[in-house]
PDB file of all heavy atoms in Angstrom:
ATOM      1  N   ALA A   1      97.057  95.372  94.285  1.00  0.00           N
ATOM      2  CA  ALA A   1      96.122  94.312  94.572  1.00  0.00           C
ATOM      3  C   ALA A   1      96.772  93.197  95.307  1.00  0.00           C
ATOM      4  O   ALA A   1      96.159  92.577  96.218  1.00  0.00           O
ATOM      5  CB  ALA A   1      95.497  93.783  93.255  1.00  0.00           C
ATOM      6  N   TYR A   2      98.027  92.870  94.980  1.00  0.00           N
ATOM      7  CA  TYR A   2      98.737  91.807  95.696  1.00  0.00           C
ATOM      8  C   TYR A   2      98.879  92.176  97.172  1.00  0.00           C
ATOM      9  O   TYR A   2      98.685  91.318  98.038  1.00  0.00           O
ATOM     10  CB  TYR A   2     100.091  91.559  95.059  1.00  0.00           C
ATOM     11  CG  TYR A   2     101.024  90.686  95.875  1.00  0.00           C
ATOM     12  CD1 TYR A   2     100.836  89.305  95.896  1.00  0.00           C
ATOM     13  CD2 TYR A   2     102.044  91.228  96.634  1.00  0.00           C
ATOM     14  CE1 TYR A   2     101.669  88.488  96.622  1.00  0.00           C
ATOM     15  CE2 TYR A   2     102.885  90.442  97.393  1.00  0.00           C
ATOM     16  CZ  TYR A   2     102.685  89.064  97.361  1.00  0.00           C
ATOM     17  OH  TYR A   2     103.513  88.250  98.103  1.00  0.00           O
ATOM     18  N   GLY A   3      99.264  93.415  97.430  1.00  0.00           N
ATOM     19  CA  GLY A   3      99.426  93.841  98.813  1.00  0.00           C
ATOM     20  C   GLY A   3      98.110  93.785  99.606  1.00  0.00           C
ATOM     21  O   GLY A   3      98.101  93.353 100.765  1.00  0.00           O
ATOM     22  N   LEU A   4      96.995  94.178  98.977  1.00  0.00           N
ATOM     23  CA  LEU A   4      95.716  94.152  99.677  1.00  0.00           C
ATOM     24  C   LEU A   4      95.199  92.736  99.900  1.00  0.00           C
ATOM     25  O   LEU A   4      94.702  92.399 100.987  1.00  0.00           O
ATOM     26  CB  LEU A   4      94.667  94.936  98.847  1.00  0.00           C
ATOM     27  CG  LEU A   4      94.961  96.484  98.703  1.00  0.00           C
ATOM     28  CD1 LEU A   4      93.879  97.141  97.800  1.00  0.00           C
ATOM     29  CD2 LEU A   4      94.975  97.133 100.028  1.00  0.00           C
ATOM     30  N   LEU A   5      95.328  91.866  98.879  1.00  0.00           N
ATOM     31  CA  LEU A   5      94.818  90.496  99.021  1.00  0.00           C
ATOM     32  C   LEU A   5      95.677  89.659  99.947  1.00  0.00           C
ATOM     33  O   LEU A   5      95.177  88.676 100.540  1.00  0.00           O
ATOM     34  CB  LEU A   5      94.716  89.831  97.625  1.00  0.00           C
ATOM     35  CG  LEU A   5      93.750  90.449  96.624  1.00  0.00           C
ATOM     36  CD1 LEU A   5      93.748  89.672  95.339  1.00  0.00           C
ATOM     37  CD2 LEU A   5      92.333  90.572  97.213  1.00  0.00           C
ATOM     38  N   SER A   6      96.986  89.968 100.041  1.00  0.00           N
ATOM     39  CA  SER A   6      97.841  89.171 100.915  1.00  0.00           C
ATOM     40  C   SER A   6      97.475  89.316 102.381  1.00  0.00           C
ATOM     41  O   SER A   6      97.834  88.455 103.197  1.00  0.00           O
ATOM     42  CB  SER A   6      99.308  89.556 100.671  1.00  0.00           C
ATOM     43  OG  SER A   6      99.481  90.913 101.051  1.00  0.00           O
ATOM     44  N   VAL A   7      96.749  90.360 102.743  1.00  0.00           N
ATOM     45  CA  VAL A   7      96.362  90.593 104.160  1.00  0.00           C
ATOM     46  C   VAL A   7      95.470  89.450 104.644  1.00  0.00           C
ATOM     47  O   VAL A   7      95.582  88.978 105.770  1.00  0.00           O
ATOM     48  CB  VAL A   7      95.679  91.953 104.301  1.00  0.00           C
ATOM     49  CG1 VAL A   7      95.144  92.141 105.723  1.00  0.00           C
ATOM     50  CG2 VAL A   7      96.645  93.089 103.965  1.00  0.00           C
ATOM     51  N   ASN A   8      94.510  88.997 103.784  1.00  0.00           N
ATOM     52  CA  ASN A   8      93.571  87.944 104.156  1.00  0.00           C
ATOM     53  C   ASN A   8      94.035  86.552 103.767  1.00  0.00           C
ATOM     54  O   ASN A   8      93.260  85.585 103.933  1.00  0.00           O
ATOM     55  CB  ASN A   8      92.224  88.214 103.508  1.00  0.00           C
ATOM     56  CG  ASN A   8      91.538  89.492 104.010  1.00  0.00           C
ATOM     57  OD1 ASN A   8      91.744  89.852 105.159  1.00  0.00           O
ATOM     58  ND2 ASN A   8      90.820  90.161 103.159  1.00  0.00           N
ATOM     59  N   THR A   9      95.237  86.402 103.292  1.00  0.00           N
ATOM     60  CA  THR A   9      95.753  85.123 102.842  1.00  0.00           C
ATOM     61  C   THR A   9      96.403  84.436 104.045  1.00  0.00           C
ATOM     62  O   THR A   9      97.255  85.015 104.710  1.00  0.00           O
ATOM     63  CB  THR A   9      96.760  85.245 101.702  1.00  0.00           C
ATOM     64  OG1 THR A   9      96.125  86.023 100.655  1.00  0.00           O
ATOM     65  CG2 THR A   9      97.155  83.892 101.160  1.00  0.00           C
ATOM     66  N   PRO A  10      96.056  83.160 104.327  1.00  0.00           N
ATOM     67  CA  PRO A  10      96.690  82.460 105.453  1.00  0.00           C
ATOM     68  C   PRO A  10      98.182  82.342 105.297  1.00  0.00           C
ATOM     69  O   PRO A  10      98.692  82.180 104.138  1.00  0.00           O
ATOM     70  CB  PRO A  10      95.987  81.091 105.458  1.00  0.00           C
ATOM     71  CG  PRO A  10      94.722  81.294 104.702  1.00  0.00           C
ATOM     72  CD  PRO A  10      94.989  82.391 103.692  1.00  0.00           C
ATOM     73  N   ASP A  11      98.887  82.439 106.391  1.00  0.00           N
ATOM     74  CA  ASP A  11     100.354  82.382 106.333  1.00  0.00           C
ATOM     75  C   ASP A  11     100.858  80.999 105.873  1.00  0.00           C
ATOM     76  O   ASP A  11     101.949  80.934 105.333  1.00  0.00           O
ATOM     77  CB  ASP A  11     100.916  82.674 107.726  1.00  0.00           C
ATOM     78  CG  ASP A  11     100.714  84.132 108.107  1.00  0.00           C
ATOM     79  OD1 ASP A  11     100.536  84.960 107.179  1.00  0.00           O
ATOM     80  OD2 ASP A  11     100.686  84.442 109.319  1.00  0.00           O
ATOM     81  N   ASP A  12     100.057  79.952 106.087  1.00  0.00           N
ATOM     82  CA  ASP A  12     100.558  78.629 105.721  1.00  0.00           C
ATOM     83  C   ASP A  12     100.557  78.396 104.226  1.00  0.00           C
ATOM     84  O   ASP A  12     101.178  77.416 103.735  1.00  0.00           O
ATOM     85  CB  ASP A  12      99.741  77.517 106.428  1.00  0.00           C
ATOM     86  CG  ASP A  12      98.263  77.647 106.109  1.00  0.00           C
ATOM     87  OD1 ASP A  12      97.809  78.714 105.624  1.00  0.00           O
ATOM     88  OD2 ASP A  12      97.533  76.692 106.338  1.00  0.00           O
ATOM     89  N   VAL A  13      99.860  79.201 103.428  1.00  0.00           N
ATOM     90  CA  VAL A  13      99.829  79.047 101.974  1.00  0.00           C
ATOM     91  C   VAL A  13     100.532  80.227 101.256  1.00  0.00           C
ATOM     92  O   VAL A  13     100.683  80.161 100.041  1.00  0.00           O
ATOM     93  CB  VAL A  13      98.402  78.898 101.457  1.00  0.00           C
ATOM     94  CG1 VAL A  13      97.702  77.701 102.043  1.00  0.00           C
ATOM     95  CG2 VAL A  13      97.583  80.215 101.740  1.00  0.00           C
ATOM     96  N   LEU A  14     100.920  81.238 101.980  1.00  0.00           N
ATOM     97  CA  LEU A  14     101.486  82.414 101.359  1.00  0.00           C
ATOM     98  C   LEU A  14     102.985  82.436 101.663  1.00  0.00           C
ATOM     99  O   LEU A  14     103.366  82.426 102.848  1.00  0.00           O
ATOM    100  CB  LEU A  14     100.826  83.685 101.898  1.00  0.00           C
ATOM    101  CG  LEU A  14     101.426  85.003 101.349  1.00  0.00           C
ATOM    102  CD1 LEU A  14     101.222  85.105  99.849  1.00  0.00           C
ATOM    103  CD2 LEU A  14     100.759  86.198 102.045  1.00  0.00           C
ATOM    104  N   GLN A  15     103.764  82.518 100.611  1.00  0.00           N
ATOM    105  CA  GLN A  15     105.199  82.680 100.773  1.00  0.00           C
ATOM    106  C   GLN A  15     105.521  84.184 100.843  1.00  0.00           C
ATOM    107  O   GLN A  15     105.360  84.913  99.865  1.00  0.00           O
ATOM    108  CB  GLN A  15     105.950  82.044  99.583  1.00  0.00           C
ATOM    109  CG  GLN A  15     107.460  82.117  99.766  1.00  0.00           C
ATOM    110  CD  GLN A  15     108.191  81.433  98.602  1.00  0.00           C
ATOM    111  OE1 GLN A  15     107.519  80.846  97.711  1.00  0.00           O
ATOM    112  NE2 GLN A  15     109.467  81.485  98.589  1.00  0.00           N
ATOM    113  N   ARG A  16     105.864  84.637 102.028  1.00  0.00           N
ATOM    114  CA  ARG A  16     106.078  86.037 102.254  1.00  0.00           C
ATOM    115  C   ARG A  16     107.284  86.550 101.418  1.00  0.00           C
ATOM    116  O   ARG A  16     108.333  85.929 101.430  1.00  0.00           O
ATOM    117  CB  ARG A  16     106.298  86.359 103.760  1.00  0.00           C
ATOM    118  CG  ARG A  16     105.044  86.001 104.597  1.00  0.00           C
ATOM    119  CD  ARG A  16     103.926  86.927 104.327  1.00  0.00           C
ATOM    120  NE  ARG A  16     102.711  86.599 105.063  1.00  0.00           N
ATOM    121  CZ  ARG A  16     101.563  87.234 104.949  1.00  0.00           C
ATOM    122  NH1 ARG A  16     101.485  88.289 104.103  1.00  0.00           N
ATOM    123  NH2 ARG A  16     100.525  86.871 105.635  1.00  0.00           N
ATOM    124  N   PRO A  17     107.078  87.758 100.793  1.00  0.00           N
ATOM    125  CA  PRO A  17     108.195  88.289  99.993  1.00  0.00           C
ATOM    126  C   PRO A  17     109.261  88.929 100.842  1.00  0.00           C
ATOM    127  O   PRO A  17     109.018  89.256 102.011  1.00  0.00           O
ATOM    128  CB  PRO A  17     107.491  89.312  99.094  1.00  0.00           C
ATOM    129  CG  PRO A  17     106.323  89.775  99.910  1.00  0.00           C
ATOM    130  CD  PRO A  17     105.885  88.552 100.674  1.00  0.00           C
ATOM    131  N   ASP A  18     110.417  89.051 100.265  1.00  0.00           N
ATOM    132  CA  ASP A  18     111.561  89.675 100.933  1.00  0.00           C
ATOM    133  C   ASP A  18     111.526  91.158 100.535  1.00  0.00           C
ATOM    134  O   ASP A  18     111.831  91.522  99.388  1.00  0.00           O
ATOM    135  CB  ASP A  18     112.860  89.025 100.530  1.00  0.00           C
ATOM    136  CG  ASP A  18     114.056  89.541 101.300  1.00  0.00           C
ATOM    137  OD1 ASP A  18     113.902  90.633 101.989  1.00  0.00           O
ATOM    138  OD2 ASP A  18     115.144  88.940 101.286  1.00  0.00           O
ATOM    139  N   GLY A  19     111.148  92.044 101.449  1.00  0.00           N
ATOM    140  CA  GLY A  19     111.038  93.463 101.131  1.00  0.00           C
ATOM    141  C   GLY A  19     112.348  94.073 100.747  1.00  0.00           C
ATOM    142  O   GLY A  19     112.419  94.930  99.803  1.00  0.00           O
ATOM    143  N   TRP A  20     113.445  93.687 101.391  1.00  0.00           N
ATOM    144  CA  TRP A  20     114.742  94.226 101.046  1.00  0.00           C
ATOM    145  C   TRP A  20     115.178  93.857  99.636  1.00  0.00           C
ATOM    146  O   TRP A  20     115.741  94.650  98.900  1.00  0.00           O
ATOM    147  CB  TRP A  20     115.809  93.807 102.063  1.00  0.00           C
ATOM    148  CG  TRP A  20     115.635  94.415 103.413  1.00  0.00           C
ATOM    149  CD1 TRP A  20     115.152  93.829 104.537  1.00  0.00           C
ATOM    150  CD2 TRP A  20     115.890  95.806 103.733  1.00  0.00           C
ATOM    151  NE1 TRP A  20     115.124  94.736 105.568  1.00  0.00           N
ATOM    152  CE2 TRP A  20     115.575  95.921 105.124  1.00  0.00           C
ATOM    153  CE3 TRP A  20     116.360  96.904 103.031  1.00  0.00           C
ATOM    154  CZ2 TRP A  20     115.737  97.127 105.776  1.00  0.00           C
ATOM    155  CZ3 TRP A  20     116.525  98.083 103.677  1.00  0.00           C
ATOM    156  CH2 TRP A  20     116.209  98.201 105.048  1.00  0.00           C
ATOM    157  N   ARG A  21     114.802  92.631  99.257  1.00  0.00           N
ATOM    158  CA  ARG A  21     115.169  92.190  97.893  1.00  0.00           C
ATOM    159  C   ARG A  21     114.426  92.980  96.848  1.00  0.00           C
ATOM    160  O   ARG A  21     114.968  93.363  95.816  1.00  0.00           O
ATOM    161  CB  ARG A  21     114.845  90.678  97.792  1.00  0.00           C
ATOM    162  CG  ARG A  21     115.229  90.100  96.402  1.00  0.00           C
ATOM    163  CD  ARG A  21     114.709  88.698  96.296  1.00  0.00           C
ATOM    164  NE  ARG A  21     115.068  88.122  95.013  1.00  0.00           N
ATOM    165  CZ  ARG A  21     114.527  86.986  94.515  1.00  0.00           C
ATOM    166  NH1 ARG A  21     113.639  86.330  95.280  1.00  0.00           N
ATOM    167  NH2 ARG A  21     114.876  86.507  93.346  1.00  0.00           N
ATOM    168  N   ALA A  22     113.146  93.244  97.120  1.00  0.00           N
ATOM    169  CA  ALA A  22     112.335  94.086  96.207  1.00  0.00           C
ATOM    170  C   ALA A  22     112.861  95.499  96.093  1.00  0.00           C
ATOM    171  O   ALA A  22     112.986  96.051  94.974  1.00  0.00           O
ATOM    172  CB  ALA A  22     110.876  94.061  96.654  1.00  0.00           C
ATOM    173  N   MET A  23     113.183  96.092  97.241  1.00  0.00           N
ATOM    174  CA  MET A  23     113.739  97.454  97.191  1.00  0.00           C
ATOM    175  C   MET A  23     115.074  97.497  96.510  1.00  0.00           C
ATOM    176  O   MET A  23     115.387  98.433  95.734  1.00  0.00           O
ATOM    177  CB  MET A  23     113.834  98.000  98.624  1.00  0.00           C
ATOM    178  CG  MET A  23     112.487  98.350  99.222  1.00  0.00           C
ATOM    179  SD  MET A  23     112.630  99.218 100.825  1.00  0.00           S
ATOM    180  CE  MET A  23     113.310  97.963 101.857  1.00  0.00           C
ATOM    181  N   GLY A  24     115.917  96.453  96.689  1.00  0.00           N
ATOM    182  CA  GLY A  24     117.173  96.389  96.019  1.00  0.00           C
ATOM    183  C   GLY A  24     117.022  96.286  94.523  1.00  0.00           C
ATOM    184  O   GLY A  24     117.814  96.878  93.722  1.00  0.00           O
ATOM    185  N   ALA A  25     116.011  95.498  94.054  1.00  0.00           N
ATOM    186  CA  ALA A  25     115.783  95.337  92.644  1.00  0.00           C
ATOM    187  C   ALA A  25     115.343  96.664  92.044  1.00  0.00           C
ATOM    188  O   ALA A  25     115.831  97.041  90.908  1.00  0.00           O
ATOM    189  CB  ALA A  25     114.714  94.285  92.380  1.00  0.00           C
TER     190      ALA A  25
END
């Protein structure tokens, strides 16, 4: 749900995640 809803979320209010950090975790 986070991935789907983040598509319509404006960039100025959304702190984009670090994909490499998530994969490393």
